[in-house]
């Protein structure tokens, strides 16, 4: 189950953070997404390979990510028009990640995309 925890405009891009959890509340984690622009150098790569990446290392050539990129393409819980890159913190070693950590990470991604 997903619950929107944050939606914010940052440098003209939307960033989203969701609180995810299993129906029985046995596990909770965060997912975060940055909206891509048509002018981003990464945009065509994501558009051609939407949610079909064998690995996300190709994307990390464009964005230096502390939280691993685990999503690229359209995100149905947001909309079916825009393209996004995103992460999740479902791995045990990311269990202490906070909402603020997620927000800082997404802002860092936007700043890197803006410098391209």
Protein backbone atom coordinates (compact mmCIF):
# COMPACT_ATOMS: atom_id res chain seq x y z
CA UNK A 1 0.00 0.00 0.00
CA UNK A 2 1.32 3.45 -0.94
CA UNK A 3 0.67 6.72 0.84
CA UNK A 4 1.91 10.03 -0.55
CA UNK A 5 4.23 11.55 2.06
CA UNK A 6 5.59 14.49 0.03
CA UNK A 7 4.94 16.21 -3.27
CA UNK A 8 7.06 19.26 -3.91
CA UNK A 9 8.08 21.46 -6.81
CA UNK A 10 11.85 21.77 -6.82
CA UNK A 11 13.47 23.81 -9.60
CA UNK A 12 10.38 23.34 -11.76
CA UNK A 13 10.27 19.55 -11.36
CA UNK A 14 7.97 17.54 -9.18
CA UNK A 15 9.49 15.26 -6.60
CA UNK A 16 7.38 12.62 -4.88
CA UNK A 17 7.97 10.46 -1.83
CA UNK A 18 5.66 7.64 -0.83
CA UNK A 19 5.47 5.58 2.34
CA UNK A 20 5.07 1.96 1.31
CA UNK A 21 3.92 -0.89 3.51
CA UNK A 22 2.66 -4.43 3.37
CA UNK A 23 -1.05 -4.81 4.17
CA UNK A 24 -0.21 -6.44 7.51
CA UNK A 25 2.22 -3.58 8.39
CA UNK A 26 5.04 -6.12 8.77
CA UNK A 27 7.37 -3.95 6.69
CA UNK A 28 7.51 -0.26 5.75
CA UNK A 29 9.84 1.61 3.42
CA UNK A 30 10.11 4.73 1.23
CA UNK A 31 9.97 5.22 -2.52
CA UNK A 32 10.97 8.49 -4.18
CA UNK A 33 10.69 9.85 -7.71
CA UNK A 34 11.99 12.80 -9.75
CA UNK A 35 10.10 14.00 -12.81
CA UNK A 36 12.26 14.09 -15.94
CA UNK A 37 12.13 16.80 -18.59
CA UNK A 38 12.25 16.20 -22.34
CA UNK A 39 15.47 18.23 -22.41
CA UNK A 40 17.32 15.99 -19.92
CA UNK A 41 20.11 14.00 -21.53
CA UNK A 42 18.83 10.95 -19.66
CA UNK A 43 15.27 11.35 -21.00
CA UNK A 44 15.73 9.44 -24.27
CA UNK A 45 17.49 6.56 -22.49
CA UNK A 46 14.62 6.23 -20.02
CA UNK A 47 11.97 6.59 -22.73
CA UNK A 48 13.52 3.83 -24.86
CA UNK A 49 13.95 1.44 -21.94
CA UNK A 50 10.99 2.24 -19.68
CA UNK A 51 10.91 -0.26 -16.83
CA UNK A 52 12.92 -2.68 -18.99
CA UNK A 53 16.39 -2.03 -17.59
CA UNK A 54 18.43 -5.13 -16.88
CA UNK A 55 20.29 -2.92 -14.45
CA UNK A 56 20.20 0.73 -13.61
CA UNK A 57 23.94 1.36 -13.93
CA UNK A 58 23.38 3.13 -17.25
CA UNK A 59 21.23 5.72 -15.47
CA UNK A 60 23.78 6.17 -12.71
CA UNK A 61 26.19 7.44 -15.37
CA UNK A 62 23.96 10.53 -15.46
CA UNK A 63 23.01 10.78 -11.78
CA UNK A 64 25.35 10.01 -8.90
CA UNK A 65 22.91 8.33 -6.54
CA UNK A 66 23.47 7.46 -2.89
CA UNK A 67 20.10 5.68 -2.71
CA UNK A 68 20.18 3.14 -5.55
CA UNK A 69 18.05 3.91 -8.61
CA UNK A 70 15.45 1.15 -8.89
CA UNK A 71 12.81 2.72 -11.15
CA UNK A 72 12.87 4.45 -14.52
CA UNK A 73 9.88 5.23 -16.73
CA UNK A 74 6.25 5.99 -16.06
CA UNK A 75 4.95 5.63 -12.53
CA UNK A 76 1.27 4.73 -12.42
CA UNK A 77 0.75 5.90 -8.84
CA UNK A 78 1.74 9.42 -9.99
CA UNK A 79 0.50 9.67 -13.60
CA UNK A 80 0.76 7.90 -16.93
CA UNK A 81 2.24 10.81 -18.88
CA UNK A 82 5.56 11.86 -17.35
CA UNK A 83 8.79 9.89 -17.04
CA UNK A 84 10.55 9.50 -13.70
CA UNK A 85 13.61 8.02 -12.10
CA UNK A 86 13.27 6.73 -8.58
CA UNK A 87 14.51 4.67 -5.67
CA UNK A 88 13.19 2.50 -2.90
CA UNK A 89 14.55 1.82 0.56
CA UNK A 90 13.21 -1.72 0.93
CA UNK A 91 16.67 -3.21 1.48
CA UNK A 92 17.54 -3.92 5.14
CA UNK A 93 20.68 -1.76 5.02
CA UNK A 94 18.45 1.26 4.18
CA UNK A 95 15.98 0.67 7.04
CA UNK A 96 17.06 3.80 8.95
CA UNK A 97 16.46 6.12 5.97
CA UNK A 98 14.19 9.05 6.90
CA UNK A 99 11.77 11.16 4.88
CA UNK A 100 14.29 14.00 5.07
CA UNK A 101 17.06 11.72 3.73
CA UNK A 102 14.81 10.84 0.78
CA UNK A 103 14.02 14.49 0.09
CA UNK A 104 17.72 15.45 0.16
CA UNK A 105 18.53 12.60 -2.25
CA UNK A 106 15.85 13.66 -4.75
CA UNK A 107 16.97 17.29 -4.54
CA UNK A 108 20.54 16.15 -5.24
CA UNK A 109 19.34 14.27 -8.32
CA UNK A 110 17.52 17.38 -9.58
CA UNK A 111 20.61 19.52 -9.01
CA UNK A 112 22.69 17.06 -11.03
CA UNK A 113 20.15 16.94 -13.86
CA UNK A 114 20.12 20.75 -13.95
CA UNK A 115 23.91 20.87 -14.40
CA UNK A 116 23.89 18.70 -17.53
